[in-house]
Amino acid sequence: MATRLHLPFDVLSDEDFQLTDALSLPTFVADGMRLIERLTLVVKDGAIEHVLHPVTRPERSAEDTLEWLAAHPV
């Protein structure tokens, strides 16, 4: 995916959807590919504290996450 999207950073992969399925993360199919919907997992000490979903404005995702963290220190 990082190559396909020409990303300048590495991406953690769940190629076999093992974590996706275990957590029942939302997915969709586009062009015959199963993809994970945009979301942010707030994780502390190995436990998911909060899920920010849906991400309706990807360009604001980082800002939205920082705002949530400021209002809900983990």
PDB file of N, CA and C in Angstrom:
ATOM      1  N   MET A   1       0.818  -1.192   0.000  1.00  0.00           N
ATOM      2  CA  MET A   1       0.000   0.000   0.000  1.00  0.00           C
ATOM      3  C   MET A   1       0.862   1.257   0.000  1.00  0.00           C
ATOM      4  N   ALA A   2       1.904   1.275   0.816  1.00  0.00           N
ATOM      5  CA  ALA A   2       2.757   2.466   0.872  1.00  0.00           C
ATOM      6  C   ALA A   2       3.361   2.763  -0.491  1.00  0.00           C
ATOM      7  N   THR A   3       3.742   1.719  -1.217  1.00  0.00           N
ATOM      8  CA  THR A   3       4.293   1.914  -2.561  1.00  0.00           C
ATOM      9  C   THR A   3       3.218   2.419  -3.506  1.00  0.00           C
ATOM     10  N   ARG A   4       2.045   1.785  -3.462  1.00  0.00           N
ATOM     11  CA  ARG A   4       0.942   2.162  -4.361  1.00  0.00           C
ATOM     12  C   ARG A   4       0.545   3.613  -4.161  1.00  0.00           C
ATOM     13  N   LEU A   5       0.555   4.078  -2.915  1.00  0.00           N
ATOM     14  CA  LEU A   5       0.139   5.447  -2.612  1.00  0.00           C
ATOM     15  C   LEU A   5       1.308   6.431  -2.590  1.00  0.00           C
ATOM     16  N   HIS A   6       2.527   5.920  -2.855  1.00  0.00           N
ATOM     17  CA  HIS A   6       3.728   6.764  -2.872  1.00  0.00           C
ATOM     18  C   HIS A   6       3.915   7.500  -1.540  1.00  0.00           C
ATOM     19  N   LEU A   7       3.710   6.768  -0.442  1.00  0.00           N
ATOM     20  CA  LEU A   7       3.852   7.374   0.880  1.00  0.00           C
ATOM     21  C   LEU A   7       5.324   7.473   1.254  1.00  0.00           C
ATOM     22  N   PRO A   8       5.723   8.562   1.892  1.00  0.00           N
ATOM     23  CA  PRO A   8       7.124   8.730   2.276  1.00  0.00           C
ATOM     24  C   PRO A   8       7.444   8.113   3.640  1.00  0.00           C
ATOM     25  N   PHE A   9       6.619   7.174   4.095  1.00  0.00           N
ATOM     26  CA  PHE A   9       6.840   6.541   5.391  1.00  0.00           C
ATOM     27  C   PHE A   9       6.331   5.110   5.339  1.00  0.00           C
ATOM     28  N   ASP A  10       6.781   4.287   6.282  1.00  0.00           N
ATOM     29  CA  ASP A  10       6.325   2.907   6.373  1.00  0.00           C
ATOM     30  C   ASP A  10       4.922   2.852   6.961  1.00  0.00           C
ATOM     31  N   VAL A  11       4.216   1.786   6.639  1.00  0.00           N
ATOM     32  CA  VAL A  11       2.856   1.593   7.130  1.00  0.00           C
ATOM     33  C   VAL A  11       2.774   0.204   7.755  1.00  0.00           C
ATOM     34  N   LEU A  12       2.158   0.114   8.925  1.00  0.00           N
ATOM     35  CA  LEU A  12       1.897  -1.199   9.505  1.00  0.00           C
ATOM     36  C   LEU A  12       0.839  -1.879   8.655  1.00  0.00           C
ATOM     37  N   SER A  13       1.016  -3.173   8.417  1.00  0.00           N
ATOM     38  CA  SER A  13       0.114  -3.880   7.517  1.00  0.00           C
ATOM     39  C   SER A  13      -0.646  -4.977   8.249  1.00  0.00           C
ATOM     40  N   ASP A  14      -1.889  -5.147   7.868  1.00  0.00           N
ATOM     41  CA  ASP A  14      -2.719  -6.257   8.334  1.00  0.00           C
ATOM     42  C   ASP A  14      -3.221  -6.967   7.078  1.00  0.00           C
ATOM     43  N   GLU A  15      -2.254  -7.399   6.262  1.00  0.00           N
ATOM     44  CA  GLU A  15      -2.535  -7.943   4.934  1.00  0.00           C
ATOM     45  C   GLU A  15      -3.559  -9.071   4.951  1.00  0.00           C
ATOM     46  N   ASP A  16      -3.529  -9.905   5.980  1.00  0.00           N
ATOM     47  CA  ASP A  16      -4.460 -11.029   6.071  1.00  0.00           C
ATOM     48  C   ASP A  16      -5.717 -10.692   6.871  1.00  0.00           C
ATOM     49  N   PHE A  17      -5.851  -9.444   7.309  1.00  0.00           N
ATOM     50  CA  PHE A  17      -7.021  -8.956   8.042  1.00  0.00           C
ATOM     51  C   PHE A  17      -7.249  -9.687   9.367  1.00  0.00           C
ATOM     52  N   GLN A  18      -6.193 -10.245   9.939  1.00  0.00           N
ATOM     53  CA  GLN A  18      -6.349 -10.950  11.214  1.00  0.00           C
ATOM     54  C   GLN A  18      -6.745  -9.993  12.333  1.00  0.00           C
ATOM     55  N   LEU A  19      -6.035  -8.878  12.467  1.00  0.00           N
ATOM     56  CA  LEU A  19      -6.382  -7.893  13.497  1.00  0.00           C
ATOM     57  C   LEU A  19      -7.715  -7.233  13.172  1.00  0.00           C
ATOM     58  N   THR A  20      -7.906  -6.903  11.911  1.00  0.00           N
ATOM     59  CA  THR A  20      -9.159  -6.274  11.469  1.00  0.00           C
ATOM     60  C   THR A  20     -10.356  -7.120  11.863  1.00  0.00           C
ATOM     61  N   ASP A  21     -10.279  -8.412  11.572  1.00  0.00           N
ATOM     62  CA  ASP A  21     -11.393  -9.305  11.887  1.00  0.00           C
ATOM     63  C   ASP A  21     -11.537  -9.516  13.393  1.00  0.00           C
ATOM     64  N   ALA A  22     -10.414  -9.635  14.105  1.00  0.00           N
ATOM     65  CA  ALA A  22     -10.474  -9.846  15.556  1.00  0.00           C
ATOM     66  C   ALA A  22     -11.126  -8.665  16.263  1.00  0.00           C
ATOM     67  N   LEU A  23     -10.888  -7.450  15.746  1.00  0.00           N
ATOM     68  CA  LEU A  23     -11.456  -6.244  16.358  1.00  0.00           C
ATOM     69  C   LEU A  23     -12.763  -5.804  15.703  1.00  0.00           C
ATOM     70  N   SER A  24     -13.201  -6.549  14.696  1.00  0.00           N
ATOM     71  CA  SER A  24     -14.416  -6.196  13.933  1.00  0.00           C
ATOM     72  C   SER A  24     -14.329  -4.774  13.386  1.00  0.00           C
ATOM     73  N   LEU A  25     -13.158  -4.433  12.840  1.00  0.00           N
ATOM     74  CA  LEU A  25     -12.991  -3.107  12.255  1.00  0.00           C
ATOM     75  C   LEU A  25     -13.808  -3.005  10.971  1.00  0.00           C
ATOM     76  N   PRO A  26     -14.318  -1.821  10.672  1.00  0.00           N
ATOM     77  CA  PRO A  26     -15.156  -1.652   9.484  1.00  0.00           C
ATOM     78  C   PRO A  26     -14.324  -1.702   8.200  1.00  0.00           C
ATOM     79  N   THR A  27     -14.818  -2.466   7.227  1.00  0.00           N
ATOM     80  CA  THR A  27     -14.138  -2.584   5.939  1.00  0.00           C
ATOM     81  C   THR A  27     -15.118  -2.304   4.812  1.00  0.00           C
ATOM     82  N   PHE A  28     -14.563  -2.143   3.620  1.00  0.00           N
ATOM     83  CA  PHE A  28     -15.369  -1.985   2.412  1.00  0.00           C
ATOM     84  C   PHE A  28     -14.578  -2.563   1.253  1.00  0.00           C
ATOM     85  N   VAL A  29     -15.245  -2.763   0.111  1.00  0.00           N
ATOM     86  CA  VAL A  29     -14.583  -3.298  -1.074  1.00  0.00           C
ATOM     87  C   VAL A  29     -14.602  -2.236  -2.158  1.00  0.00           C
ATOM     88  N   ALA A  30     -13.430  -2.002  -2.767  1.00  0.00           N
ATOM     89  CA  ALA A  30     -13.304  -1.062  -3.885  1.00  0.00           C
ATOM     90  C   ALA A  30     -12.348  -1.673  -4.905  1.00  0.00           C
ATOM     91  N   ASP A  31     -12.765  -1.692  -6.140  1.00  0.00           N
ATOM     92  CA  ASP A  31     -11.940  -2.269  -7.210  1.00  0.00           C
ATOM     93  C   ASP A  31     -11.476  -3.681  -6.866  1.00  0.00           C
ATOM     94  N   GLY A  32     -12.362  -4.440  -6.225  1.00  0.00           N
ATOM     95  CA  GLY A  32     -12.043  -5.817  -5.889  1.00  0.00           C
ATOM     96  C   GLY A  32     -11.107  -5.984  -4.706  1.00  0.00           C
ATOM     97  N   MET A  33     -10.756  -4.894  -4.038  1.00  0.00           N
ATOM     98  CA  MET A  33      -9.865  -4.966  -2.878  1.00  0.00           C
ATOM     99  C   MET A  33     -10.647  -4.702  -1.600  1.00  0.00           C
ATOM    100  N   ARG A  34     -10.421  -5.530  -0.596  1.00  0.00           N
ATOM    101  CA  ARG A  34     -10.995  -5.269   0.722  1.00  0.00           C
ATOM    102  C   ARG A  34     -10.090  -4.262   1.422  1.00  0.00           C
ATOM    103  N   LEU A  35     -10.679  -3.197   1.895  1.00  0.00           N
ATOM    104  CA  LEU A  35      -9.926  -2.122   2.543  1.00  0.00           C
ATOM    105  C   LEU A  35     -10.544  -1.801   3.898  1.00  0.00           C
ATOM    106  N   ILE A  36      -9.740  -1.289   4.800  1.00  0.00           N
ATOM    107  CA  ILE A  36     -10.223  -0.878   6.119  1.00  0.00           C
ATOM    108  C   ILE A  36     -10.655   0.577   6.027  1.00  0.00           C
ATOM    109  N   GLU A  37     -11.817   0.875   6.594  1.00  0.00           N
ATOM    110  CA  GLU A  37     -12.267   2.268   6.624  1.00  0.00           C
ATOM    111  C   GLU A  37     -11.285   3.097   7.451  1.00  0.00           C
ATOM    112  N   ARG A  38     -11.216   4.387   7.129  1.00  0.00           N
ATOM    113  CA  ARG A  38     -10.344   5.280   7.902  1.00  0.00           C
ATOM    114  C   ARG A  38     -10.847   5.348   9.343  1.00  0.00           C
ATOM    115  N   LEU A  39      -9.922   5.202  10.260  1.00  0.00           N
ATOM    116  CA  LEU A  39     -10.247   5.320  11.678  1.00  0.00           C
ATOM    117  C   LEU A  39      -8.966   5.554  12.451  1.00  0.00           C
ATOM    118  N   THR A  40      -9.119   6.011  13.666  1.00  0.00           N
ATOM    119  CA  THR A  40      -7.976   6.195  14.555  1.00  0.00           C
ATOM    120  C   THR A  40      -8.245   5.418  15.831  1.00  0.00           C
ATOM    121  N   LEU A  41      -7.296   4.584  16.210  1.00  0.00           N
ATOM    122  CA  LEU A  41      -7.383   3.858  17.471  1.00  0.00           C
ATOM    123  C   LEU A  41      -6.479   4.554  18.477  1.00  0.00           C
ATOM    124  N   VAL A  42      -7.035   4.933  19.610  1.00  0.00           N
ATOM    125  CA  VAL A  42      -6.239   5.494  20.700  1.00  0.00           C
ATOM    126  C   VAL A  42      -5.928   4.326  21.629  1.00  0.00           C
ATOM    127  N   VAL A  43      -4.645   3.996  21.727  1.00  0.00           N
ATOM    128  CA  VAL A  43      -4.218   2.812  22.475  1.00  0.00           C
ATOM    129  C   VAL A  43      -3.328   3.230  23.640  1.00  0.00           C
ATOM    130  N   LYS A  44      -3.606   2.649  24.801  1.00  0.00           N
ATOM    131  CA  LYS A  44      -2.775   2.893  25.987  1.00  0.00           C
ATOM    132  C   LYS A  44      -2.505   1.552  26.656  1.00  0.00           C
ATOM    133  N   ASP A  45      -1.253   1.280  26.915  1.00  0.00           N
ATOM    134  CA  ASP A  45      -0.851   0.035  27.581  1.00  0.00           C
ATOM    135  C   ASP A  45      -1.450  -1.194  26.903  1.00  0.00           C
ATOM    136  N   GLY A  46      -1.507  -1.176  25.580  1.00  0.00           N
ATOM    137  CA  GLY A  46      -1.988  -2.325  24.826  1.00  0.00           C
ATOM    138  C   GLY A  46      -3.497  -2.471  24.757  1.00  0.00           C
ATOM    139  N   ALA A  47      -4.230  -1.524  25.314  1.00  0.00           N
ATOM    140  CA  ALA A  47      -5.696  -1.587  25.286  1.00  0.00           C
ATOM    141  C   ALA A  47      -6.247  -0.407  24.488  1.00  0.00           C
ATOM    142  N   ILE A  48      -7.275  -0.671  23.712  1.00  0.00           N
ATOM    143  CA  ILE A  48      -7.910   0.393  22.939  1.00  0.00           C
ATOM    144  C   ILE A  48      -8.750   1.233  23.887  1.00  0.00           C
ATOM    145  N   GLU A  49      -8.390   2.504  24.010  1.00  0.00           N
ATOM    146  CA  GLU A  49      -9.092   3.440  24.887  1.00  0.00           C
ATOM    147  C   GLU A  49     -10.257   4.110  24.170  1.00  0.00           C
ATOM    148  N   HIS A  50     -10.100   4.341  22.864  1.00  0.00           N
ATOM    149  CA  HIS A  50     -11.133   5.063  22.112  1.00  0.00           C
ATOM    150  C   HIS A  50     -10.934   4.822  20.618  1.00  0.00           C
ATOM    151  N   VAL A  51     -12.032   4.870  19.879  1.00  0.00           N
ATOM    152  CA  VAL A  51     -11.980   4.758  18.421  1.00  0.00           C
ATOM    153  C   VAL A  51     -12.611   6.008  17.834  1.00  0.00           C
ATOM    154  N   LEU A  52     -11.860   6.701  16.995  1.00  0.00           N
ATOM    155  CA  LEU A  52     -12.412   7.853  16.281  1.00  0.00           C
ATOM    156  C   LEU A  52     -12.832   7.356  14.899  1.00  0.00           C
ATOM    157  N   HIS A  53     -14.132   7.239  14.693  1.00  0.00           N
ATOM    158  CA  HIS A  53     -14.693   6.712  13.455  1.00  0.00           C
ATOM    159  C   HIS A  53     -16.120   7.200  13.356  1.00  0.00           C
ATOM    160  N   PRO A  54     -16.575   7.607  12.222  1.00  0.00           N
ATOM    161  CA  PRO A  54     -15.862   7.637  10.948  1.00  0.00           C
ATOM    162  C   PRO A  54     -14.949   8.855  10.860  1.00  0.00           C
ATOM    163  N   VAL A  55     -13.965   8.753   9.990  1.00  0.00           N
ATOM    164  CA  VAL A  55     -13.109   9.889   9.657  1.00  0.00           C
ATOM    165  C   VAL A  55     -13.711  10.494   8.398  1.00  0.00           C
ATOM    166  N   THR A  56     -14.478  11.546   8.577  1.00  0.00           N
ATOM    167  CA  THR A  56     -15.182  12.143   7.434  1.00  0.00           C
ATOM    168  C   THR A  56     -14.325  13.151   6.691  1.00  0.00           C
ATOM    169  N   ARG A  57     -13.334  13.706   7.384  1.00  0.00           N
ATOM    170  CA  ARG A  57     -12.438  14.686   6.752  1.00  0.00           C
ATOM    171  C   ARG A  57     -10.996  14.275   7.031  1.00  0.00           C
ATOM    172  N   PRO A  58     -10.425  13.430   6.168  1.00  0.00           N
ATOM    173  CA  PRO A  58      -9.070  12.928   6.415  1.00  0.00           C
ATOM    174  C   PRO A  58      -8.040  14.023   6.649  1.00  0.00           C
ATOM    175  N   GLU A  59      -8.218  15.163   6.003  1.00  0.00           N
ATOM    176  CA  GLU A  59      -7.250  16.248   6.168  1.00  0.00           C
ATOM    177  C   GLU A  59      -7.273  16.824   7.585  1.00  0.00           C
ATOM    178  N   ARG A  60      -8.325  16.525   8.359  1.00  0.00           N
ATOM    179  CA  ARG A  60      -8.436  17.008   9.744  1.00  0.00           C
ATOM    180  C   ARG A  60      -8.213  15.897  10.764  1.00  0.00           C
ATOM    181  N   SER A  61      -7.951  14.701  10.312  1.00  0.00           N
ATOM    182  CA  SER A  61      -7.866  13.558  11.216  1.00  0.00           C
ATOM    183  C   SER A  61      -6.853  13.769  12.336  1.00  0.00           C
ATOM    184  N   ALA A  62      -5.664  14.233  12.011  1.00  0.00           N
ATOM    185  CA  ALA A  62      -4.644  14.450  13.047  1.00  0.00           C
ATOM    186  C   ALA A  62      -5.098  15.518  14.036  1.00  0.00           C
ATOM    187  N   GLU A  63      -5.661  16.606  13.528  1.00  0.00           N
ATOM    188  CA  GLU A  63      -6.147  17.673  14.410  1.00  0.00           C
ATOM    189  C   GLU A  63      -7.278  17.173  15.300  1.00  0.00           C
ATOM    190  N   ASP A  64      -8.218  16.422  14.720  1.00  0.00           N
ATOM    191  CA  ASP A  64      -9.334  15.878  15.499  1.00  0.00           C
ATOM    192  C   ASP A  64      -8.821  14.961  16.607  1.00  0.00           C
ATOM    193  N   THR A  65      -7.825  14.151  16.279  1.00  0.00           N
ATOM    194  CA  THR A  65      -7.257  13.236  17.268  1.00  0.00           C
ATOM    195  C   THR A  65      -6.583  14.009  18.399  1.00  0.00           C
ATOM    196  N   LEU A  66      -5.807  15.024  18.051  1.00  0.00           N
ATOM    197  CA  LEU A  66      -5.152  15.842  19.079  1.00  0.00           C
ATOM    198  C   LEU A  66      -6.168  16.563  19.955  1.00  0.00           C
ATOM    199  N   GLU A  67      -7.256  17.051  19.361  1.00  0.00           N
ATOM    200  CA  GLU A  67      -8.313  17.703  20.140  1.00  0.00           C
ATOM    201  C   GLU A  67      -8.952  16.713  21.101  1.00  0.00           C
ATOM    202  N   TRP A  68      -9.215  15.495  20.627  1.00  0.00           N
ATOM    203  CA  TRP A  68      -9.816  14.482  21.494  1.00  0.00           C
ATOM    204  C   TRP A  68      -8.865  14.165  22.648  1.00  0.00           C
ATOM    205  N   LEU A  69      -7.584  13.981  22.323  1.00  0.00           N
ATOM    206  CA  LEU A  69      -6.604  13.665  23.369  1.00  0.00           C
ATOM    207  C   LEU A  69      -6.480  14.785  24.393  1.00  0.00           C
ATOM    208  N   ALA A  70      -6.566  16.032  23.956  1.00  0.00           N
ATOM    209  CA  ALA A  70      -6.490  17.167  24.881  1.00  0.00           C
ATOM    210  C   ALA A  70      -7.683  17.169  25.833  1.00  0.00           C
ATOM    211  N   ALA A  71      -8.848  16.775  25.332  1.00  0.00           N
ATOM    212  CA  ALA A  71     -10.062  16.765  26.150  1.00  0.00           C
ATOM    213  C   ALA A  71     -10.199  15.494  26.987  1.00  0.00           C
ATOM    214  N   HIS A  72      -9.501  14.430  26.599  1.00  0.00           N
ATOM    215  CA  HIS A  72      -9.605  13.132  27.277  1.00  0.00           C
ATOM    216  C   HIS A  72      -8.212  12.545  27.492  1.00  0.00           C
ATOM    217  N   PRO A  73      -7.431  13.110  28.389  1.00  0.00           N
ATOM    218  CA  PRO A  73      -6.076  12.573  28.596  1.00  0.00           C
ATOM    219  C   PRO A  73      -6.124  11.088  28.947  1.00  0.00           C
ATOM    220  N   VAL A  74      -5.283  10.331  28.285  1.00  0.00           N
ATOM    221  CA  VAL A  74      -5.241   8.881  28.560  1.00  0.00           C
ATOM    222  C   VAL A  74      -4.027   8.527  29.374  1.00  0.00           C
TER     223      VAL A  74
END
